[in-house]
Amino acid sequence: MIDPGARPSRPHAGETPAVLNRRALGDFIRAQRERLNPAAAGVAAASRRRTPGLRREEVAQLSGVSTTWYTWIEQGRDVSMSPSALARLARALRLGRAERDYLFELAGKRDPDQGGDGDDAVPAVLADAVTAVTSPAYVLDRQWNARAWNKAAERLFTGWLDRAGDRNLLRFIFLEAGARRLISNWDERARRVVAEFRAHSGAHLNDRGLRALIDGLAAESPEFARLWDTHGVLGREGGERTFNHPKDGFLRFEQVTFDLASHADVKLTILVPRTA
């Protein structure tokens, strides 16, 4: 018989990472189940409850899964877990964004709801932070549209950030003739940018806007289509970036890129001037 009051298991020496992850996953969902208020979760209150929060069978019912399957996950057993079932479990447990990401990371699955329209608002304080930076700085969303930038970036990126209209970085690089004159060693930078974007977009294959962007670029730019089809993958790393600016001449920077903790798809890039 399963003990409804079983406490979190403890790691044992020699356990594989997969076993440790299953144990951590079971302990995590048990803790989330026990913190839920039955009334808030839409479960009718019972006269007596032997354990805090929801019962296993109640979470299973809310998730549309069997009680046995859910119980085995809590016990850290090696069971098959589909992304859709995990998504229903996350909703039943009312997980926040960080908690949901943690659930899927422990399960080793990709969240089917990770994609979206990419139009989430960028926090106003981030725009204020970018403005406070003296070096060129800008913020990119999931589809690499510029969502915030400062005056230094606007001056540097002529043809992209200094005018109204489309501010997508990829469309600027591949569809604007001025980008080839501005960006030193354009061929190499274009190759790296496409590989970086492929690495970034791999988690959002169900994002319709992102797919439309990729298909549109492939149709309009033979260079983008060729580079995309090579399936190169690179992290968006730092390093030297040089430009041939129409007013300021040759410019050299060191690029630094950060992911925003509260918005994993948002990236802040700062270009630190280098004179030597």
C-alpha atoms as a PDB file:
ATOM      1  CA  MET A   1       0.000   0.000   0.000  1.00  0.00           C
ATOM      2  CA  ILE A   2       1.216   3.497  -0.838  1.00  0.00           C
ATOM      3  CA  ASP A   3       1.824   5.706   2.151  1.00  0.00           C
ATOM      4  CA  PRO A   4      -0.044   8.998   1.521  1.00  0.00           C
ATOM      5  CA  GLY A   5       2.202  10.770   3.958  1.00  0.00           C
ATOM      6  CA  ALA A   6       5.489   9.643   2.438  1.00  0.00           C
ATOM      7  CA  ARG A   7       8.172  12.283   2.775  1.00  0.00           C
ATOM      8  CA  PRO A   8      10.753  13.391   0.235  1.00  0.00           C
ATOM      9  CA  SER A   9      13.336  10.763  -0.642  1.00  0.00           C
ATOM     10  CA  ARG A  10      17.036  11.313  -0.129  1.00  0.00           C
ATOM     11  CA  PRO A  11      19.761  10.764  -2.742  1.00  0.00           C
ATOM     12  CA  HIS A  12      21.895   7.666  -2.441  1.00  0.00           C
ATOM     13  CA  ALA A  13      25.554   7.347  -3.403  1.00  0.00           C
ATOM     14  CA  GLY A  14      26.082   6.062  -6.909  1.00  0.00           C
ATOM     15  CA  GLU A  15      22.690   7.099  -8.292  1.00  0.00           C
ATOM     16  CA  THR A  16      22.693   8.157 -11.922  1.00  0.00           C
ATOM     17  CA  PRO A  17      21.657  11.685 -12.956  1.00  0.00           C
ATOM     18  CA  ALA A  18      18.446  10.254 -14.418  1.00  0.00           C
ATOM     19  CA  VAL A  19      17.519   8.676 -11.093  1.00  0.00           C
ATOM     20  CA  LEU A  20      18.360  11.868  -9.208  1.00  0.00           C
ATOM     21  CA  ASN A  21      16.181  13.876 -11.580  1.00  0.00           C
ATOM     22  CA  ARG A  22      13.257  11.483 -11.128  1.00  0.00           C
ATOM     23  CA  ARG A  23      13.596  11.742  -7.350  1.00  0.00           C
ATOM     24  CA  ALA A  24      13.772  15.548  -7.534  1.00  0.00           C
ATOM     25  CA  LEU A  25      10.746  15.625  -9.842  1.00  0.00           C
ATOM     26  CA  GLY A  26       8.714  13.457  -7.468  1.00  0.00           C
ATOM     27  CA  ASP A  27       9.646  15.566  -4.452  1.00  0.00           C
ATOM     28  CA  PHE A  28       8.877  18.771  -6.360  1.00  0.00           C
ATOM     29  CA  ILE A  29       5.377  17.846  -7.511  1.00  0.00           C
ATOM     30  CA  ARG A  30       4.575  16.416  -4.071  1.00  0.00           C
ATOM     31  CA  ALA A  31       5.534  19.742  -2.484  1.00  0.00           C
ATOM     32  CA  GLN A  32       3.416  21.650  -5.020  1.00  0.00           C
ATOM     33  CA  ARG A  33       0.451  19.322  -4.444  1.00  0.00           C
ATOM     34  CA  GLU A  34       0.635  19.767  -0.688  1.00  0.00           C
ATOM     35  CA  ARG A  35       0.688  23.554  -0.860  1.00  0.00           C
ATOM     36  CA  LEU A  36      -2.461  23.828  -3.003  1.00  0.00           C
ATOM     37  CA  ASN A  37      -5.679  24.979  -1.405  1.00  0.00           C
ATOM     38  CA  PRO A  38      -8.470  22.567  -2.458  1.00  0.00           C
ATOM     39  CA  ALA A  39     -11.066  25.331  -2.814  1.00  0.00           C
ATOM     40  CA  ALA A  40      -8.732  27.492  -4.932  1.00  0.00           C
ATOM     41  CA  ALA A  41      -8.058  24.485  -7.157  1.00  0.00           C
ATOM     42  CA  GLY A  42     -11.788  23.929  -7.659  1.00  0.00           C
ATOM     43  CA  VAL A  43     -11.947  20.788  -5.516  1.00  0.00           C
ATOM     44  CA  ALA A  44     -14.916  20.383  -3.193  1.00  0.00           C
ATOM     45  CA  ALA A  45     -13.818  20.449   0.438  1.00  0.00           C
ATOM     46  CA  ALA A  46     -14.044  17.136   2.291  1.00  0.00           C
ATOM     47  CA  SER A  47     -14.980  16.834   5.927  1.00  0.00           C
ATOM     48  CA  ARG A  48     -11.552  15.488   6.913  1.00  0.00           C
ATOM     49  CA  ARG A  49      -8.172  15.503   5.160  1.00  0.00           C
ATOM     50  CA  ARG A  50      -5.313  13.359   6.374  1.00  0.00           C
ATOM     51  CA  THR A  51      -2.737  15.348   4.367  1.00  0.00           C
ATOM     52  CA  PRO A  52      -2.351  19.029   3.490  1.00  0.00           C
ATOM     53  CA  GLY A  53      -3.275  20.311   0.059  1.00  0.00           C
ATOM     54  CA  LEU A  54      -4.727  18.040  -2.592  1.00  0.00           C
ATOM     55  CA  ARG A  55      -4.795  14.279  -2.669  1.00  0.00           C
ATOM     56  CA  ARG A  56      -2.937  12.415  -5.376  1.00  0.00           C
ATOM     57  CA  GLU A  57      -6.160  11.238  -6.993  1.00  0.00           C
ATOM     58  CA  GLU A  58      -7.442  14.827  -7.088  1.00  0.00           C
ATOM     59  CA  VAL A  59      -4.341  16.079  -8.910  1.00  0.00           C
ATOM     60  CA  ALA A  60      -4.579  13.118 -11.277  1.00  0.00           C
ATOM     61  CA  GLN A  61      -8.206  13.905 -12.034  1.00  0.00           C
ATOM     62  CA  LEU A  62      -7.469  17.591 -12.623  1.00  0.00           C
ATOM     63  CA  SER A  63      -4.611  16.596 -14.945  1.00  0.00           C
ATOM     64  CA  GLY A  64      -6.608  14.004 -16.878  1.00  0.00           C
ATOM     65  CA  VAL A  65      -4.180  11.203 -15.993  1.00  0.00           C
ATOM     66  CA  SER A  66      -4.454   8.009 -13.977  1.00  0.00           C
ATOM     67  CA  THR A  67      -3.809   8.065 -10.248  1.00  0.00           C
ATOM     68  CA  THR A  68      -1.313   5.237 -10.675  1.00  0.00           C
ATOM     69  CA  TRP A  69       0.699   7.170 -13.276  1.00  0.00           C
ATOM     70  CA  TYR A  70       0.780  10.282 -11.098  1.00  0.00           C
ATOM     71  CA  THR A  71       1.707   8.277  -7.995  1.00  0.00           C
ATOM     72  CA  TRP A  72       4.598   6.597  -9.793  1.00  0.00           C
ATOM     73  CA  ILE A  73       5.993  10.004 -10.770  1.00  0.00           C
ATOM     74  CA  GLU A  74       5.883  11.139  -7.141  1.00  0.00           C
ATOM     75  CA  GLN A  75       7.675   7.937  -6.188  1.00  0.00           C
ATOM     76  CA  GLY A  76      10.457   8.676  -8.673  1.00  0.00           C
ATOM     77  CA  ARG A  77       9.749   5.657 -10.852  1.00  0.00           C
ATOM     78  CA  ASP A  78      10.932   5.436 -14.454  1.00  0.00           C
ATOM     79  CA  VAL A  79       7.659   6.051 -16.296  1.00  0.00           C
ATOM     80  CA  SER A  80       6.861   7.506 -19.704  1.00  0.00           C
ATOM     81  CA  MET A  81       5.899  11.194 -19.530  1.00  0.00           C
ATOM     82  CA  SER A  82       4.578  12.984 -22.608  1.00  0.00           C
ATOM     83  CA  PRO A  83       4.973  16.772 -22.865  1.00  0.00           C
ATOM     84  CA  SER A  84       1.192  17.211 -23.139  1.00  0.00           C
ATOM     85  CA  ALA A  85       0.570  15.223 -19.928  1.00  0.00           C
ATOM     86  CA  LEU A  86       3.231  17.251 -18.120  1.00  0.00           C
ATOM     87  CA  ALA A  87       1.617  20.461 -19.382  1.00  0.00           C
ATOM     88  CA  ARG A  88      -1.739  19.384 -17.934  1.00  0.00           C
ATOM     89  CA  LEU A  89      -0.011  18.509 -14.672  1.00  0.00           C
ATOM     90  CA  ALA A  90       1.638  21.938 -14.565  1.00  0.00           C
ATOM     91  CA  ARG A  91      -1.737  23.620 -15.014  1.00  0.00           C
ATOM     92  CA  ALA A  92      -3.379  21.421 -12.366  1.00  0.00           C
ATOM     93  CA  LEU A  93      -0.630  22.314  -9.898  1.00  0.00           C
ATOM     94  CA  ARG A  94      -0.921  25.992 -10.872  1.00  0.00           C
ATOM     95  CA  LEU A  95       2.780  26.337 -11.508  1.00  0.00           C
ATOM     96  CA  GLY A  96       4.332  29.692 -12.251  1.00  0.00           C
ATOM     97  CA  ARG A  97       6.729  30.225 -15.139  1.00  0.00           C
ATOM     98  CA  ALA A  98       9.900  29.341 -13.219  1.00  0.00           C
ATOM     99  CA  GLU A  99       8.224  26.333 -11.568  1.00  0.00           C
ATOM    100  CA  ARG A 100       6.934  25.083 -14.909  1.00  0.00           C
ATOM    101  CA  ASP A 101      10.375  25.431 -16.502  1.00  0.00           C
ATOM    102  CA  TYR A 102      11.851  23.485 -13.587  1.00  0.00           C
ATOM    103  CA  LEU A 103       9.252  20.718 -14.008  1.00  0.00           C
ATOM    104  CA  PHE A 104      10.058  20.231 -17.699  1.00  0.00           C
ATOM    105  CA  GLU A 105      13.807  20.463 -17.080  1.00  0.00           C
ATOM    106  CA  LEU A 106      13.681  17.681 -14.485  1.00  0.00           C
ATOM    107  CA  ALA A 107      11.494  15.571 -16.783  1.00  0.00           C
ATOM    108  CA  GLY A 108      13.866  16.135 -19.712  1.00  0.00           C
ATOM    109  CA  LYS A 109      11.035  17.283 -21.968  1.00  0.00           C
ATOM    110  CA  ARG A 110      10.318  20.362 -24.062  1.00  0.00           C
ATOM    111  CA  ASP A 111       7.379  22.434 -22.914  1.00  0.00           C
ATOM    112  CA  PRO A 112       4.732  22.421 -25.705  1.00  0.00           C
ATOM    113  CA  ASP A 113       3.464  25.795 -24.504  1.00  0.00           C
ATOM    114  CA  GLN A 114       6.879  27.406 -24.592  1.00  0.00           C
ATOM    115  CA  GLY A 115       6.118  29.057 -27.900  1.00  0.00           C
ATOM    116  CA  GLY A 116       3.754  31.953 -28.391  1.00  0.00           C
ATOM    117  CA  ASP A 117       3.283  35.139 -30.323  1.00  0.00           C
ATOM    118  CA  GLY A 118       6.426  36.771 -28.929  1.00  0.00           C
ATOM    119  CA  ASP A 119       4.515  39.950 -28.114  1.00  0.00           C
ATOM    120  CA  ASP A 120       4.904  39.880 -24.337  1.00  0.00           C
ATOM    121  CA  ALA A 121       5.537  43.352 -23.028  1.00  0.00           C
ATOM    122  CA  VAL A 122       9.110  44.182 -22.077  1.00  0.00           C
ATOM    123  CA  PRO A 123       9.203  45.600 -18.536  1.00  0.00           C
ATOM    124  CA  ALA A 124       9.383  49.388 -18.526  1.00  0.00           C
ATOM    125  CA  VAL A 125      12.264  49.277 -16.062  1.00  0.00           C
ATOM    126  CA  LEU A 126      14.341  47.396 -18.662  1.00  0.00           C
ATOM    127  CA  ALA A 127      13.867  50.221 -21.149  1.00  0.00           C
ATOM    128  CA  ASP A 128      14.951  52.647 -18.407  1.00  0.00           C
ATOM    129  CA  ALA A 129      18.017  50.498 -17.713  1.00  0.00           C
ATOM    130  CA  VAL A 130      18.994  50.512 -21.402  1.00  0.00           C
ATOM    131  CA  THR A 131      18.664  54.288 -21.513  1.00  0.00           C
ATOM    132  CA  ALA A 132      20.969  54.578 -18.495  1.00  0.00           C
ATOM    133  CA  VAL A 133      23.768  52.687 -20.296  1.00  0.00           C
ATOM    134  CA  THR A 134      26.233  54.999 -22.031  1.00  0.00           C
ATOM    135  CA  SER A 135      27.507  52.413 -24.552  1.00  0.00           C
ATOM    136  CA  PRO A 136      25.288  51.225 -27.426  1.00  0.00           C
ATOM    137  CA  ALA A 137      22.668  48.900 -25.919  1.00  0.00           C
ATOM    138  CA  TYR A 138      19.499  47.284 -27.220  1.00  0.00           C
ATOM    139  CA  VAL A 139      16.931  44.640 -26.268  1.00  0.00           C
ATOM    140  CA  LEU A 140      15.749  41.861 -28.597  1.00  0.00           C
ATOM    141  CA  ASP A 141      12.585  39.796 -28.192  1.00  0.00           C
ATOM    142  CA  ARG A 142      11.993  36.186 -29.257  1.00  0.00           C
ATOM    143  CA  GLN A 143      11.867  37.083 -32.954  1.00  0.00           C
ATOM    144  CA  TRP A 144      14.826  39.456 -32.616  1.00  0.00           C
ATOM    145  CA  ASN A 145      12.793  42.605 -32.964  1.00  0.00           C
ATOM    146  CA  ALA A 146      14.391  45.540 -31.155  1.00  0.00           C
ATOM    147  CA  ARG A 147      12.085  46.408 -28.254  1.00  0.00           C
ATOM    148  CA  ALA A 148      14.252  49.019 -26.514  1.00  0.00           C
ATOM    149  CA  TRP A 149      17.510  50.814 -27.300  1.00  0.00           C
ATOM    150  CA  ASN A 150      19.457  53.888 -26.310  1.00  0.00           C
ATOM    151  CA  LYS A 151      20.705  56.903 -28.237  1.00  0.00           C
ATOM    152  CA  ALA A 152      24.173  55.403 -28.658  1.00  0.00           C
ATOM    153  CA  ALA A 153      22.708  52.309 -30.353  1.00  0.00           C
ATOM    154  CA  GLU A 154      20.462  54.467 -32.503  1.00  0.00           C
ATOM    155  CA  ARG A 155      23.496  56.399 -33.744  1.00  0.00           C
ATOM    156  CA  LEU A 156      25.562  53.267 -34.353  1.00  0.00           C
ATOM    157  CA  PHE A 157      22.950  51.200 -36.207  1.00  0.00           C
ATOM    158  CA  THR A 158      22.092  53.451 -39.103  1.00  0.00           C
ATOM    159  CA  GLY A 159      19.301  51.974 -41.192  1.00  0.00           C
ATOM    160  CA  TRP A 160      17.987  49.876 -38.285  1.00  0.00           C
ATOM    161  CA  LEU A 161      17.409  51.801 -35.074  1.00  0.00           C
ATOM    162  CA  ASP A 162      17.600  55.362 -36.368  1.00  0.00           C
ATOM    163  CA  ARG A 163      14.316  55.326 -38.269  1.00  0.00           C
ATOM    164  CA  ALA A 164      10.707  54.297 -37.922  1.00  0.00           C
ATOM    165  CA  GLY A 165       9.403  51.022 -39.337  1.00  0.00           C
ATOM    166  CA  ASP A 166      10.677  47.459 -39.202  1.00  0.00           C
ATOM    167  CA  ARG A 167      13.294  46.975 -36.486  1.00  0.00           C
ATOM    168  CA  ASN A 168      13.960  43.263 -36.869  1.00  0.00           C
ATOM    169  CA  LEU A 169      17.700  42.580 -36.636  1.00  0.00           C
ATOM    170  CA  LEU A 170      17.676  39.685 -39.121  1.00  0.00           C
ATOM    171  CA  ARG A 171      15.714  41.584 -41.752  1.00  0.00           C
ATOM    172  CA  PHE A 172      18.095  44.512 -41.320  1.00  0.00           C
ATOM    173  CA  ILE A 173      21.183  42.340 -41.788  1.00  0.00           C
ATOM    174  CA  PHE A 174      19.906  40.402 -44.803  1.00  0.00           C
ATOM    175  CA  LEU A 175      17.514  42.780 -46.571  1.00  0.00           C
ATOM    176  CA  GLU A 176      19.067  46.230 -46.073  1.00  0.00           C
ATOM    177  CA  ALA A 177      21.962  47.085 -48.378  1.00  0.00           C
ATOM    178  CA  GLY A 178      23.312  49.511 -45.780  1.00  0.00           C
ATOM    179  CA  ALA A 179      23.954  46.649 -43.360  1.00  0.00           C
ATOM    180  CA  ARG A 180      26.656  45.226 -45.632  1.00  0.00           C
ATOM    181  CA  ARG A 181      28.465  48.565 -45.592  1.00  0.00           C
ATOM    182  CA  LEU A 182      28.036  49.130 -41.860  1.00  0.00           C
ATOM    183  CA  ILE A 183      29.009  45.681 -40.528  1.00  0.00           C
ATOM    184  CA  SER A 184      32.658  44.772 -41.018  1.00  0.00           C
ATOM    185  CA  ASN A 185      33.270  41.273 -42.403  1.00  0.00           C
ATOM    186  CA  TRP A 186      29.564  40.983 -43.204  1.00  0.00           C
ATOM    187  CA  ASP A 187      29.795  37.423 -44.575  1.00  0.00           C
ATOM    188  CA  GLU A 188      31.216  35.990 -41.349  1.00  0.00           C
ATOM    189  CA  ARG A 189      28.921  38.012 -39.090  1.00  0.00           C
ATOM    190  CA  ALA A 190      25.862  36.954 -41.115  1.00  0.00           C
ATOM    191  CA  ARG A 191      26.864  33.290 -40.806  1.00  0.00           C
ATOM    192  CA  ARG A 192      27.244  33.587 -37.036  1.00  0.00           C
ATOM    193  CA  VAL A 193      23.988  35.494 -36.597  1.00  0.00           C
ATOM    194  CA  VAL A 194      21.983  32.820 -38.417  1.00  0.00           C
ATOM    195  CA  ALA A 195      23.610  30.069 -36.337  1.00  0.00           C
ATOM    196  CA  GLU A 196      22.861  32.026 -33.153  1.00  0.00           C
ATOM    197  CA  PHE A 197      19.261  32.549 -34.189  1.00  0.00           C
ATOM    198  CA  ARG A 198      18.817  28.847 -34.947  1.00  0.00           C
ATOM    199  CA  ALA A 199      20.070  27.995 -31.453  1.00  0.00           C
ATOM    200  CA  HIS A 200      17.683  30.570 -29.972  1.00  0.00           C
ATOM    201  CA  SER A 201      14.658  29.504 -32.008  1.00  0.00           C
ATOM    202  CA  GLY A 202      15.000  25.764 -31.370  1.00  0.00           C
ATOM    203  CA  ALA A 203      12.858  26.045 -28.238  1.00  0.00           C
ATOM    204  CA  HIS A 204      10.048  27.847 -30.079  1.00  0.00           C
ATOM    205  CA  LEU A 205       9.323  25.747 -33.131  1.00  0.00           C
ATOM    206  CA  ASN A 206       5.568  26.160 -32.592  1.00  0.00           C
ATOM    207  CA  ASP A 207       5.769  29.966 -32.662  1.00  0.00           C
ATOM    208  CA  ARG A 208       3.822  30.999 -35.791  1.00  0.00           C
ATOM    209  CA  GLY A 209       5.387  34.452 -35.901  1.00  0.00           C
ATOM    210  CA  LEU A 210       8.865  33.015 -35.754  1.00  0.00           C
ATOM    211  CA  ARG A 211       8.114  30.531 -38.525  1.00  0.00           C
ATOM    212  CA  ALA A 212       6.694  33.329 -40.669  1.00  0.00           C
ATOM    213  CA  LEU A 213       9.867  35.352 -40.092  1.00  0.00           C
ATOM    214  CA  ILE A 214      12.129  32.464 -41.115  1.00  0.00           C
ATOM    215  CA  ASP A 215      10.052  31.566 -44.180  1.00  0.00           C
ATOM    216  CA  GLY A 216       9.853  35.203 -45.259  1.00  0.00           C
ATOM    217  CA  LEU A 217      13.591  35.733 -44.946  1.00  0.00           C
ATOM    218  CA  ALA A 218      14.348  32.514 -46.829  1.00  0.00           C
ATOM    219  CA  ALA A 219      12.087  33.672 -49.661  1.00  0.00           C
ATOM    220  CA  GLU A 220      13.570  37.181 -49.858  1.00  0.00           C
ATOM    221  CA  SER A 221      17.245  36.495 -49.131  1.00  0.00           C
ATOM    222  CA  PRO A 222      19.175  33.710 -50.896  1.00  0.00           C
ATOM    223  CA  GLU A 223      22.023  34.260 -48.428  1.00  0.00           C
ATOM    224  CA  PHE A 224      19.768  33.672 -45.434  1.00  0.00           C
ATOM    225  CA  ALA A 225      18.192  30.599 -47.063  1.00  0.00           C
ATOM    226  CA  ARG A 226      21.627  29.106 -47.776  1.00  0.00           C
ATOM    227  CA  LEU A 227      22.928  29.751 -44.255  1.00  0.00           C
ATOM    228  CA  TRP A 228      19.728  28.518 -42.605  1.00  0.00           C
ATOM    229  CA  ASP A 229      19.947  25.255 -44.538  1.00  0.00           C
ATOM    230  CA  THR A 230      23.454  24.574 -43.203  1.00  0.00           C
ATOM    231  CA  HIS A 231      21.900  24.009 -39.735  1.00  0.00           C
ATOM    232  CA  GLY A 232      24.766  25.744 -37.955  1.00  0.00           C
ATOM    233  CA  VAL A 233      24.166  26.301 -34.228  1.00  0.00           C
ATOM    234  CA  LEU A 234      26.057  28.768 -32.014  1.00  0.00           C
ATOM    235  CA  GLY A 235      25.367  30.478 -28.715  1.00  0.00           C
ATOM    236  CA  ARG A 236      24.959  34.253 -28.811  1.00  0.00           C
ATOM    237  CA  GLU A 237      28.395  34.884 -27.412  1.00  0.00           C
ATOM    238  CA  GLY A 238      30.394  38.009 -26.915  1.00  0.00           C
ATOM    239  CA  GLY A 239      33.487  39.050 -28.781  1.00  0.00           C
ATOM    240  CA  GLU A 240      34.790  41.787 -31.008  1.00  0.00           C
ATOM    241  CA  ARG A 241      32.347  43.619 -33.271  1.00  0.00           C
ATOM    242  CA  THR A 242      33.590  46.169 -35.801  1.00  0.00           C
ATOM    243  CA  PHE A 243      31.692  48.662 -37.935  1.00  0.00           C
ATOM    244  CA  ASN A 244      32.370  51.075 -40.793  1.00  0.00           C
ATOM    245  CA  HIS A 245      30.141  53.919 -39.690  1.00  0.00           C
ATOM    246  CA  PRO A 246      29.197  56.507 -42.348  1.00  0.00           C
ATOM    247  CA  LYS A 247      29.837  59.412 -39.942  1.00  0.00           C
ATOM    248  CA  ASP A 248      32.120  58.069 -37.205  1.00  0.00           C
ATOM    249  CA  GLY A 249      34.408  55.909 -39.328  1.00  0.00           C
ATOM    250  CA  PHE A 250      35.849  52.596 -38.153  1.00  0.00           C
ATOM    251  CA  LEU A 251      34.514  51.529 -34.734  1.00  0.00           C
ATOM    252  CA  ARG A 252      35.496  48.590 -32.547  1.00  0.00           C
ATOM    253  CA  PHE A 253      33.406  47.148 -29.704  1.00  0.00           C
ATOM    254  CA  GLU A 254      33.292  44.148 -27.359  1.00  0.00           C
ATOM    255  CA  GLN A 255      29.805  42.636 -27.339  1.00  0.00           C
ATOM    256  CA  VAL A 256      28.195  41.346 -24.140  1.00  0.00           C
ATOM    257  CA  THR A 257      24.743  39.694 -24.161  1.00  0.00           C
ATOM    258  CA  PHE A 258      22.496  38.933 -21.179  1.00  0.00           C
ATOM    259  CA  ASP A 259      19.251  36.964 -20.811  1.00  0.00           C
ATOM    260  CA  LEU A 260      16.578  38.644 -18.691  1.00  0.00           C
ATOM    261  CA  ALA A 261      15.739  36.428 -15.695  1.00  0.00           C
ATOM    262  CA  SER A 262      11.997  37.205 -15.725  1.00  0.00           C
ATOM    263  CA  HIS A 263      11.684  36.996 -19.536  1.00  0.00           C
ATOM    264  CA  ALA A 264      13.867  34.163 -20.799  1.00  0.00           C
ATOM    265  CA  ASP A 265      13.280  35.073 -24.460  1.00  0.00           C
ATOM    266  CA  VAL A 266      14.450  38.670 -24.026  1.00  0.00           C
ATOM    267  CA  LYS A 267      18.112  39.468 -24.610  1.00  0.00           C
ATOM    268  CA  LEU A 268      20.021  42.605 -23.652  1.00  0.00           C
ATOM    269  CA  THR A 269      23.095  43.363 -25.761  1.00  0.00           C
ATOM    270  CA  ILE A 270      25.689  45.966 -24.828  1.00  0.00           C
ATOM    271  CA  LEU A 271      28.567  47.024 -27.084  1.00  0.00           C
ATOM    272  CA  VAL A 272      31.520  48.238 -25.021  1.00  0.00           C
ATOM    273  CA  PRO A 273      33.848  50.583 -26.996  1.00  0.00           C
ATOM    274  CA  ARG A 274      37.414  49.422 -27.592  1.00  0.00           C
ATOM    275  CA  THR A 275      40.126  51.765 -28.817  1.00  0.00           C
ATOM    276  CA  ALA A 276      43.088  49.368 -29.060  1.00  0.00           C
END
